[in-house]
Amino acid sequence: MRDLAFIYPTLSLSTPPAIEPVTVEEGLAFFQYEGTDAESAATALSALKTARIKVERDAAIALITQGRQIRLDSFPSCELELRIAPIQAVASVQYRDGNNVLQTLAADQYQADTHSRPGRIAPAPGVCWPATPCGVMNAVTITLTVGYGPAASDVPEDAKFAIKLLAREWFWGRCASGEVGERIGSAYASLITGLSWRPQV
């Protein structure tokens, strides 16, 4: 049986970011749109938010501080890769015990590497992961605090530029498919390569 470290689900959003890294005003200026109508501002906000989500997904990163969760049927045999960056902290580790009662694992029972990319979590030295009930799905929930910081100024400029590139295409094109031109696509791909922690093939 494969270790869960290789097959755990995508990290779900538990606490959304409080702000967007690129404001509507910054976006409209980059789009070279000089109007001030509410409809265009709403369209710009939607494009910027959607572009930010795509950048985070494509690069496996989080920009503004937010919460993410990993849900597992049981603990892995050893350490677990936390496949998102940057990680600020492991907020909590919760699990169902043998009686199917939700428990919170004490912070001294595990160790977290928030510096590596990807980060890692493992039992503390001399400690084993607790047992979970057989057959109970999503018995383990690991909650992470991730992102570069709470302010837009914390976010790398190349990430904000990637957001602007995509959002400009979507703002002007109003393209439902989300397709962008070849030159924009190439520039975007290059930015994502620099942002992503994943090894490039």
N, C-alpha and C. Protein backbone atom coordinates (compact mmCIF):
# COMPACT_ATOMS: atom_id res chain seq x y z
N MET A 1 0.84 -1.21 0.00
CA MET A 1 0.00 0.00 0.00
C MET A 1 0.87 1.25 0.00
N ARG A 2 0.53 2.21 -0.85
CA ARG A 2 1.34 3.42 -0.95
C ARG A 2 1.18 4.28 0.29
N ASP A 3 2.29 4.94 0.67
CA ASP A 3 2.25 5.83 1.82
C ASP A 3 1.35 7.02 1.52
N LEU A 4 0.59 7.43 2.51
CA LEU A 4 -0.32 8.56 2.33
C LEU A 4 0.41 9.86 2.01
N ALA A 5 1.69 9.92 2.34
CA ALA A 5 2.45 11.12 2.02
C ALA A 5 2.46 11.41 0.53
N PHE A 6 2.22 10.37 -0.28
CA PHE A 6 2.26 10.55 -1.73
C PHE A 6 0.88 10.78 -2.34
N ILE A 7 -0.16 10.51 -1.58
CA ILE A 7 -1.48 10.54 -2.20
C ILE A 7 -2.49 11.37 -1.44
N TYR A 8 -2.05 12.19 -0.47
CA TYR A 8 -3.03 12.93 0.31
C TYR A 8 -3.74 13.97 -0.56
N PRO A 9 -4.95 14.34 -0.20
CA PRO A 9 -5.73 15.25 -1.03
C PRO A 9 -5.12 16.64 -1.12
N THR A 10 -5.55 17.38 -2.11
CA THR A 10 -5.13 18.77 -2.25
C THR A 10 -5.53 19.56 -1.00
N LEU A 11 -4.69 20.47 -0.61
CA LEU A 11 -4.97 21.27 0.57
C LEU A 11 -6.18 22.17 0.29
N SER A 12 -7.18 22.05 1.11
CA SER A 12 -8.39 22.86 0.93
C SER A 12 -8.27 24.17 1.69
N LEU A 13 -8.98 25.18 1.22
CA LEU A 13 -8.96 26.49 1.86
C LEU A 13 -9.87 26.47 3.08
N SER A 14 -9.32 26.82 4.24
CA SER A 14 -10.12 26.87 5.46
C SER A 14 -10.39 28.30 5.92
N THR A 15 -9.43 29.20 5.69
CA THR A 15 -9.59 30.62 6.01
C THR A 15 -9.09 31.42 4.82
N PRO A 16 -9.96 32.14 4.12
CA PRO A 16 -9.52 32.86 2.93
C PRO A 16 -8.64 34.06 3.28
N PRO A 17 -7.86 34.53 2.32
CA PRO A 17 -7.06 35.74 2.57
C PRO A 17 -7.96 36.94 2.79
N ALA A 18 -7.53 37.86 3.64
CA ALA A 18 -8.35 39.02 3.98
C ALA A 18 -8.38 40.06 2.86
N ILE A 19 -7.34 40.09 2.04
CA ILE A 19 -7.25 41.05 0.94
C ILE A 19 -6.70 40.36 -0.29
N GLU A 20 -6.77 41.03 -1.42
CA GLU A 20 -6.12 40.56 -2.63
C GLU A 20 -4.76 41.25 -2.76
N PRO A 21 -3.75 40.56 -3.29
CA PRO A 21 -2.42 41.17 -3.40
C PRO A 21 -2.35 42.30 -4.43
N VAL A 22 -3.28 42.32 -5.37
CA VAL A 22 -3.35 43.40 -6.37
C VAL A 22 -4.70 44.07 -6.23
N THR A 23 -4.70 45.37 -5.97
CA THR A 23 -5.96 46.09 -5.79
C THR A 23 -6.62 46.36 -7.14
N VAL A 24 -7.90 46.69 -7.08
CA VAL A 24 -8.64 47.03 -8.31
C VAL A 24 -7.99 48.24 -8.99
N GLU A 25 -7.58 49.22 -8.19
CA GLU A 25 -6.96 50.43 -8.76
C GLU A 25 -5.66 50.08 -9.47
N GLU A 26 -4.86 49.22 -8.86
CA GLU A 26 -3.61 48.79 -9.50
C GLU A 26 -3.90 48.00 -10.76
N GLY A 27 -4.92 47.15 -10.69
CA GLY A 27 -5.27 46.36 -11.85
C GLY A 27 -5.74 47.21 -13.01
N LEU A 28 -6.65 48.13 -12.76
CA LEU A 28 -7.17 48.98 -13.84
C LEU A 28 -6.06 49.83 -14.45
N ALA A 29 -5.12 50.28 -13.62
CA ALA A 29 -3.99 51.05 -14.16
C ALA A 29 -3.13 50.17 -15.07
N PHE A 30 -2.90 48.93 -14.66
CA PHE A 30 -2.13 48.00 -15.49
C PHE A 30 -2.89 47.66 -16.77
N PHE A 31 -4.21 47.58 -16.67
CA PHE A 31 -5.03 47.28 -17.85
C PHE A 31 -5.12 48.47 -18.80
N GLN A 32 -4.66 49.64 -18.34
CA GLN A 32 -4.76 50.89 -19.08
C GLN A 32 -6.22 51.26 -19.36
N TYR A 33 -7.03 51.04 -18.34
CA TYR A 33 -8.44 51.40 -18.42
C TYR A 33 -8.63 52.68 -17.62
N GLU A 34 -9.21 53.70 -18.24
CA GLU A 34 -9.30 55.01 -17.61
C GLU A 34 -10.68 55.31 -17.04
N GLY A 35 -11.62 54.40 -17.19
CA GLY A 35 -12.96 54.63 -16.67
C GLY A 35 -13.04 54.43 -15.16
N THR A 36 -14.16 54.83 -14.60
CA THR A 36 -14.38 54.70 -13.17
C THR A 36 -15.72 54.04 -12.86
N ASP A 37 -16.33 53.38 -13.85
CA ASP A 37 -17.65 52.81 -13.64
C ASP A 37 -17.57 51.57 -12.75
N ALA A 38 -18.65 51.35 -12.02
CA ALA A 38 -18.70 50.25 -11.05
C ALA A 38 -18.64 48.89 -11.73
N GLU A 39 -19.24 48.77 -12.90
CA GLU A 39 -19.25 47.47 -13.59
C GLU A 39 -17.84 47.03 -13.95
N SER A 40 -17.04 47.95 -14.47
CA SER A 40 -15.66 47.60 -14.84
C SER A 40 -14.82 47.31 -13.61
N ALA A 41 -15.07 48.03 -12.51
CA ALA A 41 -14.35 47.76 -11.28
C ALA A 41 -14.67 46.36 -10.76
N ALA A 42 -15.95 45.97 -10.86
CA ALA A 42 -16.34 44.64 -10.42
C ALA A 42 -15.73 43.57 -11.31
N THR A 43 -15.69 43.82 -12.62
CA THR A 43 -15.08 42.87 -13.55
C THR A 43 -13.59 42.74 -13.26
N ALA A 44 -12.94 43.87 -12.98
CA ALA A 44 -11.50 43.83 -12.67
C ALA A 44 -11.25 43.04 -11.40
N LEU A 45 -12.07 43.25 -10.36
CA LEU A 45 -11.89 42.52 -9.11
C LEU A 45 -12.05 41.03 -9.32
N SER A 46 -13.06 40.64 -10.10
CA SER A 46 -13.28 39.22 -10.37
C SER A 46 -12.09 38.62 -11.12
N ALA A 47 -11.58 39.36 -12.12
CA ALA A 47 -10.44 38.87 -12.90
C ALA A 47 -9.19 38.75 -12.03
N LEU A 48 -8.96 39.73 -11.18
CA LEU A 48 -7.78 39.70 -10.31
C LEU A 48 -7.85 38.57 -9.30
N LYS A 49 -9.02 38.36 -8.72
CA LYS A 49 -9.17 37.28 -7.74
C LYS A 49 -9.00 35.93 -8.41
N THR A 50 -9.61 35.75 -9.58
CA THR A 50 -9.50 34.48 -10.28
C THR A 50 -8.06 34.22 -10.70
N ALA A 51 -7.37 35.26 -11.15
CA ALA A 51 -5.97 35.13 -11.54
C ALA A 51 -5.09 34.77 -10.34
N ARG A 52 -5.38 35.38 -9.19
CA ARG A 52 -4.62 35.05 -7.98
C ARG A 52 -4.80 33.58 -7.60
N ILE A 53 -6.03 33.10 -7.67
CA ILE A 53 -6.29 31.70 -7.36
C ILE A 53 -5.54 30.78 -8.31
N LYS A 54 -5.52 31.14 -9.59
CA LYS A 54 -4.81 30.31 -10.58
C LYS A 54 -3.30 30.32 -10.33
N VAL A 55 -2.74 31.48 -10.02
CA VAL A 55 -1.31 31.56 -9.72
C VAL A 55 -0.97 30.67 -8.53
N GLU A 56 -1.79 30.75 -7.47
CA GLU A 56 -1.54 29.92 -6.29
C GLU A 56 -1.63 28.44 -6.63
N ARG A 57 -2.62 28.06 -7.42
CA ARG A 57 -2.78 26.65 -7.78
C ARG A 57 -1.66 26.17 -8.68
N ASP A 58 -1.30 26.95 -9.68
CA ASP A 58 -0.28 26.52 -10.64
C ASP A 58 1.10 26.41 -10.01
N ALA A 59 1.40 27.30 -9.07
CA ALA A 59 2.73 27.29 -8.43
C ALA A 59 2.74 26.55 -7.10
N ALA A 60 1.57 26.09 -6.64
CA ALA A 60 1.45 25.42 -5.33
C ALA A 60 1.96 26.31 -4.21
N ILE A 61 1.52 27.57 -4.25
CA ILE A 61 1.92 28.54 -3.24
C ILE A 61 0.68 29.24 -2.70
N ALA A 62 0.87 29.98 -1.61
CA ALA A 62 -0.15 30.87 -1.08
C ALA A 62 0.47 32.26 -1.00
N LEU A 63 -0.30 33.27 -1.33
CA LEU A 63 0.25 34.62 -1.38
C LEU A 63 -0.05 35.38 -0.09
N ILE A 64 -1.26 35.91 0.05
CA ILE A 64 -1.65 36.57 1.30
C ILE A 64 -1.96 35.49 2.35
N THR A 65 -1.64 35.78 3.62
CA THR A 65 -1.87 34.84 4.72
C THR A 65 -3.28 34.24 4.66
N GLN A 66 -3.36 32.92 4.77
CA GLN A 66 -4.62 32.19 4.70
C GLN A 66 -4.47 30.86 5.41
N GLY A 67 -5.59 30.18 5.62
CA GLY A 67 -5.56 28.86 6.24
C GLY A 67 -5.83 27.78 5.22
N ARG A 68 -5.09 26.69 5.29
CA ARG A 68 -5.30 25.52 4.44
C ARG A 68 -5.36 24.28 5.32
N GLN A 69 -6.09 23.27 4.84
CA GLN A 69 -6.23 22.02 5.59
C GLN A 69 -5.91 20.81 4.73
N ILE A 70 -5.27 19.84 5.35
CA ILE A 70 -5.05 18.53 4.75
C ILE A 70 -5.91 17.53 5.52
N ARG A 71 -6.67 16.73 4.83
CA ARG A 71 -7.47 15.69 5.49
C ARG A 71 -7.00 14.32 5.02
N LEU A 72 -6.77 13.43 5.98
CA LEU A 72 -6.27 12.09 5.72
C LEU A 72 -7.14 11.07 6.44
N ASP A 73 -7.18 9.87 5.92
CA ASP A 73 -7.91 8.80 6.61
C ASP A 73 -7.13 8.29 7.82
N SER A 74 -5.80 8.43 7.79
CA SER A 74 -4.96 8.05 8.93
C SER A 74 -3.64 8.79 8.80
N PHE A 75 -2.84 8.75 9.83
CA PHE A 75 -1.53 9.37 9.78
C PHE A 75 -0.61 8.58 8.85
N PRO A 76 0.37 9.25 8.22
CA PRO A 76 1.34 8.52 7.39
C PRO A 76 2.26 7.67 8.26
N SER A 77 3.03 6.82 7.62
CA SER A 77 3.93 5.95 8.38
C SER A 77 5.06 6.74 9.03
N CYS A 78 5.45 7.86 8.42
CA CYS A 78 6.52 8.67 9.00
C CYS A 78 6.19 10.14 8.79
N GLU A 79 7.04 10.85 8.06
CA GLU A 79 6.79 12.28 7.84
C GLU A 79 5.86 12.49 6.65
N LEU A 80 5.25 13.66 6.63
CA LEU A 80 4.32 14.03 5.57
C LEU A 80 4.78 15.32 4.93
N GLU A 81 4.87 15.33 3.62
CA GLU A 81 5.20 16.56 2.91
C GLU A 81 3.98 17.48 2.89
N LEU A 82 4.23 18.74 3.17
CA LEU A 82 3.18 19.77 3.14
C LEU A 82 3.35 20.54 1.84
N ARG A 83 2.66 20.12 0.83
CA ARG A 83 2.96 20.56 -0.54
C ARG A 83 2.35 21.90 -0.90
N ILE A 84 2.73 22.89 -0.12
CA ILE A 84 2.38 24.27 -0.39
C ILE A 84 3.44 25.13 0.27
N ALA A 85 3.67 26.31 -0.25
CA ALA A 85 4.68 27.21 0.33
C ALA A 85 4.21 28.65 0.12
N PRO A 86 4.72 29.56 0.96
CA PRO A 86 5.48 29.29 2.19
C PRO A 86 4.54 28.95 3.35
N ILE A 87 5.04 28.15 4.27
CA ILE A 87 4.27 27.77 5.45
C ILE A 87 4.72 28.64 6.62
N GLN A 88 3.77 29.31 7.25
CA GLN A 88 4.09 30.11 8.43
C GLN A 88 4.07 29.26 9.69
N ALA A 89 3.08 28.36 9.80
CA ALA A 89 2.97 27.55 11.01
C ALA A 89 1.99 26.41 10.78
N VAL A 90 2.16 25.36 11.57
CA VAL A 90 1.14 24.32 11.67
C VAL A 90 0.21 24.76 12.79
N ALA A 91 -1.00 25.13 12.44
CA ALA A 91 -1.93 25.69 13.42
C ALA A 91 -2.48 24.62 14.36
N SER A 92 -2.79 23.45 13.81
CA SER A 92 -3.31 22.38 14.67
C SER A 92 -3.24 21.05 13.94
N VAL A 93 -3.19 19.98 14.72
CA VAL A 93 -3.30 18.61 14.21
C VAL A 93 -4.40 17.94 15.01
N GLN A 94 -5.48 17.58 14.35
CA GLN A 94 -6.61 16.93 15.00
C GLN A 94 -6.84 15.55 14.40
N TYR A 95 -7.38 14.65 15.22
CA TYR A 95 -7.59 13.28 14.76
C TYR A 95 -8.71 12.63 15.54
N ARG A 96 -9.28 11.59 14.97
CA ARG A 96 -10.28 10.77 15.66
C ARG A 96 -9.55 9.64 16.38
N ASP A 97 -9.83 9.48 17.67
CA ASP A 97 -9.17 8.42 18.42
C ASP A 97 -9.91 7.09 18.24
N GLY A 98 -9.50 6.06 19.00
CA GLY A 98 -10.09 4.74 18.84
C GLY A 98 -11.58 4.69 19.11
N ASN A 99 -12.09 5.68 19.84
CA ASN A 99 -13.52 5.76 20.12
C ASN A 99 -14.24 6.73 19.18
N ASN A 100 -13.52 7.14 18.13
CA ASN A 100 -14.06 8.08 17.14
C ASN A 100 -14.37 9.44 17.74
N VAL A 101 -13.61 9.82 18.78
CA VAL A 101 -13.76 11.12 19.42
C VAL A 101 -12.66 12.04 18.89
N LEU A 102 -13.03 13.25 18.53
CA LEU A 102 -12.07 14.21 17.98
C LEU A 102 -11.10 14.67 19.07
N GLN A 103 -9.81 14.56 18.77
CA GLN A 103 -8.76 14.98 19.69
C GLN A 103 -7.83 15.96 18.99
N THR A 104 -7.19 16.81 19.78
CA THR A 104 -6.17 17.72 19.26
C THR A 104 -4.81 17.26 19.77
N LEU A 105 -3.91 16.98 18.86
CA LEU A 105 -2.59 16.49 19.23
C LEU A 105 -1.77 17.64 19.80
N ALA A 106 -1.17 17.42 20.96
CA ALA A 106 -0.35 18.46 21.60
C ALA A 106 0.83 18.83 20.71
N ALA A 107 1.19 20.10 20.74
CA ALA A 107 2.24 20.60 19.85
C ALA A 107 3.59 19.94 20.12
N ASP A 108 3.81 19.44 21.34
CA ASP A 108 5.09 18.79 21.64
C ASP A 108 5.15 17.34 21.15
N GLN A 109 4.07 16.88 20.53
CA GLN A 109 4.04 15.52 20.02
C GLN A 109 4.43 15.43 18.54
N TYR A 110 4.66 16.56 17.92
CA TYR A 110 5.08 16.56 16.51
C TYR A 110 6.05 17.69 16.26
N GLN A 111 6.77 17.57 15.17
CA GLN A 111 7.72 18.61 14.75
C GLN A 111 7.37 19.03 13.33
N ALA A 112 7.54 20.32 13.06
CA ALA A 112 7.20 20.85 11.75
C ALA A 112 8.39 21.61 11.16
N ASP A 113 8.68 21.30 9.92
CA ASP A 113 9.71 22.01 9.17
C ASP A 113 9.01 22.99 8.24
N THR A 114 9.01 24.26 8.64
CA THR A 114 8.35 25.28 7.83
C THR A 114 9.33 26.04 6.95
N HIS A 115 10.58 25.63 6.97
CA HIS A 115 11.61 26.34 6.20
C HIS A 115 11.85 25.69 4.84
N SER A 116 11.77 24.37 4.78
CA SER A 116 11.99 23.67 3.51
C SER A 116 10.81 23.89 2.58
N ARG A 117 11.06 23.66 1.30
CA ARG A 117 9.99 23.71 0.29
C ARG A 117 10.00 22.40 -0.48
N PRO A 118 9.03 21.53 -0.31
CA PRO A 118 7.87 21.71 0.57
C PRO A 118 8.23 21.50 2.04
N GLY A 119 7.37 22.00 2.91
CA GLY A 119 7.55 21.78 4.33
C GLY A 119 7.23 20.35 4.71
N ARG A 120 7.50 20.02 5.97
CA ARG A 120 7.27 18.65 6.43
C ARG A 120 6.72 18.68 7.84
N ILE A 121 6.01 17.62 8.18
CA ILE A 121 5.57 17.41 9.55
C ILE A 121 5.81 15.95 9.89
N ALA A 122 6.26 15.69 11.10
CA ALA A 122 6.59 14.33 11.53
C ALA A 122 6.41 14.24 13.04
N PRO A 123 6.30 13.04 13.58
CA PRO A 123 6.22 12.91 15.04
C PRO A 123 7.49 13.46 15.70
N ALA A 124 7.36 13.94 16.91
CA ALA A 124 8.53 14.37 17.67
C ALA A 124 9.44 13.17 17.92
N PRO A 125 10.72 13.39 18.13
CA PRO A 125 11.63 12.26 18.41
C PRO A 125 11.11 11.38 19.54
N GLY A 126 11.08 10.08 19.30
CA GLY A 126 10.63 9.14 20.31
C GLY A 126 9.12 9.01 20.42
N VAL A 127 8.39 9.70 19.53
CA VAL A 127 6.92 9.68 19.55
C VAL A 127 6.41 9.03 18.28
N CYS A 128 5.31 8.33 18.36
CA CYS A 128 4.64 7.76 17.19
C CYS A 128 3.31 8.49 16.98
N TRP A 129 2.89 8.52 15.74
CA TRP A 129 1.57 9.09 15.46
C TRP A 129 0.51 8.26 16.19
N PRO A 130 -0.55 8.89 16.70
CA PRO A 130 -1.60 8.11 17.37
C PRO A 130 -2.41 7.30 16.37
N ALA A 131 -3.00 6.23 16.85
CA ALA A 131 -3.84 5.38 16.01
C ALA A 131 -5.19 6.06 15.77
N THR A 132 -5.76 5.78 14.61
CA THR A 132 -7.08 6.29 14.26
C THR A 132 -8.00 5.11 13.95
N PRO A 133 -9.31 5.29 14.00
CA PRO A 133 -10.22 4.17 13.78
C PRO A 133 -10.14 3.64 12.35
N CYS A 134 -10.15 2.35 12.21
CA CYS A 134 -10.12 1.73 10.89
C CYS A 134 -11.44 2.03 10.17
N GLY A 135 -11.34 2.45 8.94
CA GLY A 135 -12.53 2.67 8.12
C GLY A 135 -13.16 4.03 8.24
N VAL A 136 -12.65 4.89 9.12
CA VAL A 136 -13.20 6.24 9.27
C VAL A 136 -12.48 7.18 8.30
N MET A 137 -13.21 7.76 7.39
CA MET A 137 -12.61 8.65 6.42
C MET A 137 -12.32 10.02 7.03
N ASN A 138 -11.27 10.63 6.54
CA ASN A 138 -10.90 11.99 6.99
C ASN A 138 -10.73 12.05 8.50
N ALA A 139 -10.08 11.05 9.05
CA ALA A 139 -9.90 10.98 10.50
C ALA A 139 -8.84 11.95 11.01
N VAL A 140 -8.00 12.45 10.11
CA VAL A 140 -6.92 13.36 10.49
C VAL A 140 -7.10 14.68 9.74
N THR A 141 -7.00 15.78 10.46
CA THR A 141 -7.06 17.11 9.85
C THR A 141 -5.87 17.93 10.33
N ILE A 142 -5.04 18.34 9.39
CA ILE A 142 -3.89 19.19 9.69
C ILE A 142 -4.19 20.58 9.13
N THR A 143 -4.21 21.57 10.01
CA THR A 143 -4.51 22.94 9.60
C THR A 143 -3.22 23.75 9.57
N LEU A 144 -2.98 24.42 8.46
CA LEU A 144 -1.77 25.20 8.26
C LEU A 144 -2.10 26.68 8.10
N THR A 145 -1.20 27.52 8.57
CA THR A 145 -1.24 28.94 8.24
C THR A 145 -0.16 29.16 7.18
N VAL A 146 -0.55 29.64 6.01
CA VAL A 146 0.37 29.74 4.89
C VAL A 146 0.30 31.13 4.27
N GLY A 147 1.29 31.44 3.45
CA GLY A 147 1.32 32.72 2.76
C GLY A 147 2.57 33.51 3.10
N TYR A 148 2.85 34.52 2.27
CA TYR A 148 4.03 35.36 2.48
C TYR A 148 3.83 36.36 3.61
N GLY A 149 2.58 36.71 3.90
CA GLY A 149 2.29 37.66 4.95
C GLY A 149 0.92 38.27 4.76
N PRO A 150 0.47 39.11 5.69
CA PRO A 150 -0.89 39.65 5.63
C PRO A 150 -1.05 40.86 4.70
N ALA A 151 0.05 41.43 4.26
CA ALA A 151 -0.01 42.65 3.44
C ALA A 151 0.39 42.38 2.00
N ALA A 152 -0.14 43.18 1.10
CA ALA A 152 0.21 43.04 -0.32
C ALA A 152 1.71 43.24 -0.54
N SER A 153 2.34 44.09 0.30
CA SER A 153 3.77 44.34 0.16
C SER A 153 4.61 43.11 0.50
N ASP A 154 4.02 42.11 1.17
CA ASP A 154 4.74 40.88 1.50
C ASP A 154 4.86 39.95 0.30
N VAL A 155 4.01 40.14 -0.70
CA VAL A 155 3.91 39.22 -1.84
C VAL A 155 4.98 39.56 -2.88
N PRO A 156 5.69 38.57 -3.41
CA PRO A 156 6.71 38.83 -4.43
C PRO A 156 6.14 39.55 -5.64
N GLU A 157 6.93 40.45 -6.19
CA GLU A 157 6.46 41.24 -7.33
C GLU A 157 6.18 40.37 -8.55
N ASP A 158 6.94 39.28 -8.73
CA ASP A 158 6.69 38.44 -9.90
C ASP A 158 5.34 37.73 -9.80
N ALA A 159 4.90 37.44 -8.57
CA ALA A 159 3.57 36.84 -8.39
C ALA A 159 2.49 37.85 -8.74
N LYS A 160 2.67 39.09 -8.30
CA LYS A 160 1.69 40.13 -8.61
C LYS A 160 1.67 40.43 -10.11
N PHE A 161 2.82 40.37 -10.74
CA PHE A 161 2.87 40.61 -12.18
C PHE A 161 2.16 39.50 -12.95
N ALA A 162 2.33 38.25 -12.49
CA ALA A 162 1.63 37.13 -13.13
C ALA A 162 0.12 37.31 -13.02
N ILE A 163 -0.34 37.76 -11.86
CA ILE A 163 -1.77 38.02 -11.65
C ILE A 163 -2.25 39.09 -12.63
N LYS A 164 -1.49 40.16 -12.75
CA LYS A 164 -1.88 41.27 -13.62
C LYS A 164 -1.94 40.83 -15.08
N LEU A 165 -0.97 40.02 -15.50
CA LEU A 165 -0.96 39.56 -16.89
C LEU A 165 -2.23 38.80 -17.23
N LEU A 166 -2.57 37.84 -16.39
CA LEU A 166 -3.77 37.04 -16.64
C LEU A 166 -5.03 37.90 -16.56
N ALA A 167 -5.11 38.70 -15.51
CA ALA A 167 -6.32 39.50 -15.29
C ALA A 167 -6.54 40.48 -16.43
N ARG A 168 -5.47 41.05 -16.98
CA ARG A 168 -5.63 41.99 -18.11
C ARG A 168 -6.23 41.30 -19.32
N GLU A 169 -5.75 40.10 -19.60
CA GLU A 169 -6.30 39.35 -20.73
C GLU A 169 -7.78 39.05 -20.53
N TRP A 170 -8.12 38.64 -19.34
CA TRP A 170 -9.51 38.29 -19.05
C TRP A 170 -10.40 39.53 -18.98
N PHE A 171 -9.85 40.63 -18.51
CA PHE A 171 -10.63 41.87 -18.41
C PHE A 171 -11.02 42.37 -19.79
N TRP A 172 -10.05 42.42 -20.70
CA TRP A 172 -10.33 42.93 -22.04
C TRP A 172 -10.99 41.90 -22.93
N GLY A 173 -10.59 40.64 -22.78
CA GLY A 173 -11.13 39.62 -23.66
C GLY A 173 -12.50 39.14 -23.28
N ARG A 174 -12.84 39.25 -21.95
CA ARG A 174 -14.12 38.72 -21.46
C ARG A 174 -14.31 37.28 -21.94
N CYS A 175 -13.18 36.54 -21.96
CA CYS A 175 -13.20 35.19 -22.55
C CYS A 175 -13.63 34.18 -21.50
N ALA A 176 -14.75 33.53 -21.75
CA ALA A 176 -15.29 32.58 -20.78
C ALA A 176 -14.38 31.38 -20.57
N SER A 177 -13.61 31.02 -21.61
CA SER A 177 -12.75 29.85 -21.51
C SER A 177 -11.49 30.11 -20.70
N GLY A 178 -11.17 31.40 -20.48
CA GLY A 178 -9.97 31.74 -19.73
C GLY A 178 -8.70 31.65 -20.55
N GLU A 179 -8.80 31.48 -21.86
CA GLU A 179 -7.63 31.36 -22.71
C GLU A 179 -6.91 32.70 -22.83
N VAL A 180 -5.60 32.63 -22.98
CA VAL A 180 -4.80 33.83 -23.17
C VAL A 180 -3.93 33.63 -24.41
N GLY A 181 -3.38 34.74 -24.92
CA GLY A 181 -2.53 34.66 -26.09
C GLY A 181 -1.24 33.90 -25.84
N GLU A 182 -0.59 33.49 -26.93
CA GLU A 182 0.61 32.66 -26.80
C GLU A 182 1.73 33.40 -26.08
N ARG A 183 1.92 34.68 -26.40
CA ARG A 183 3.01 35.44 -25.76
C ARG A 183 2.73 35.61 -24.27
N ILE A 184 1.49 35.92 -23.92
CA ILE A 184 1.14 36.06 -22.51
C ILE A 184 1.28 34.72 -21.79
N GLY A 185 0.85 33.66 -22.46
CA GLY A 185 0.96 32.33 -21.87
C GLY A 185 2.39 31.95 -21.59
N SER A 186 3.30 32.29 -22.51
CA SER A 186 4.72 31.98 -22.33
C SER A 186 5.31 32.78 -21.18
N ALA A 187 4.97 34.06 -21.10
CA ALA A 187 5.47 34.90 -20.02
C ALA A 187 4.93 34.42 -18.67
N TYR A 188 3.67 34.05 -18.65
CA TYR A 188 3.05 33.56 -17.42
C TYR A 188 3.73 32.27 -16.97
N ALA A 189 3.96 31.35 -17.90
CA ALA A 189 4.59 30.08 -17.56
C ALA A 189 5.99 30.30 -16.98
N SER A 190 6.71 31.26 -17.52
CA SER A 190 8.05 31.55 -17.00
C SER A 190 7.99 32.08 -15.57
N LEU A 191 7.01 32.93 -15.30
CA LEU A 191 6.85 33.46 -13.95
C LEU A 191 6.49 32.34 -12.96
N ILE A 192 5.61 31.45 -13.37
CA ILE A 192 5.20 30.34 -12.50
C ILE A 192 6.38 29.42 -12.21
N THR A 193 7.23 29.21 -13.20
CA THR A 193 8.43 28.38 -12.99
C THR A 193 9.30 28.97 -11.88
N GLY A 194 9.44 30.27 -11.88
CA GLY A 194 10.24 30.92 -10.85
C GLY A 194 9.60 30.93 -9.48
N LEU A 195 8.28 30.92 -9.44
CA LEU A 195 7.56 30.97 -8.17
C LEU A 195 7.39 29.59 -7.52
N SER A 196 7.27 28.56 -8.34
CA SER A 196 6.93 27.25 -7.84
C SER A 196 8.10 26.59 -7.11
N TRP A 197 7.79 25.83 -6.06
CA TRP A 197 8.81 25.05 -5.36
C TRP A 197 9.02 23.70 -6.00
N ARG A 198 8.12 23.30 -6.90
CA ARG A 198 8.22 21.97 -7.52
C ARG A 198 9.45 21.90 -8.43
N PRO A 199 10.13 20.76 -8.46
CA PRO A 199 11.22 20.58 -9.42
C PRO A 199 10.70 20.71 -10.84
N GLN A 200 11.44 21.44 -11.67
CA GLN A 200 11.02 21.62 -13.05
C GLN A 200 11.58 20.51 -13.93
N VAL A 201 10.72 19.92 -14.73
CA VAL A 201 11.13 18.80 -15.59
C VAL A 201 11.62 19.34 -16.93
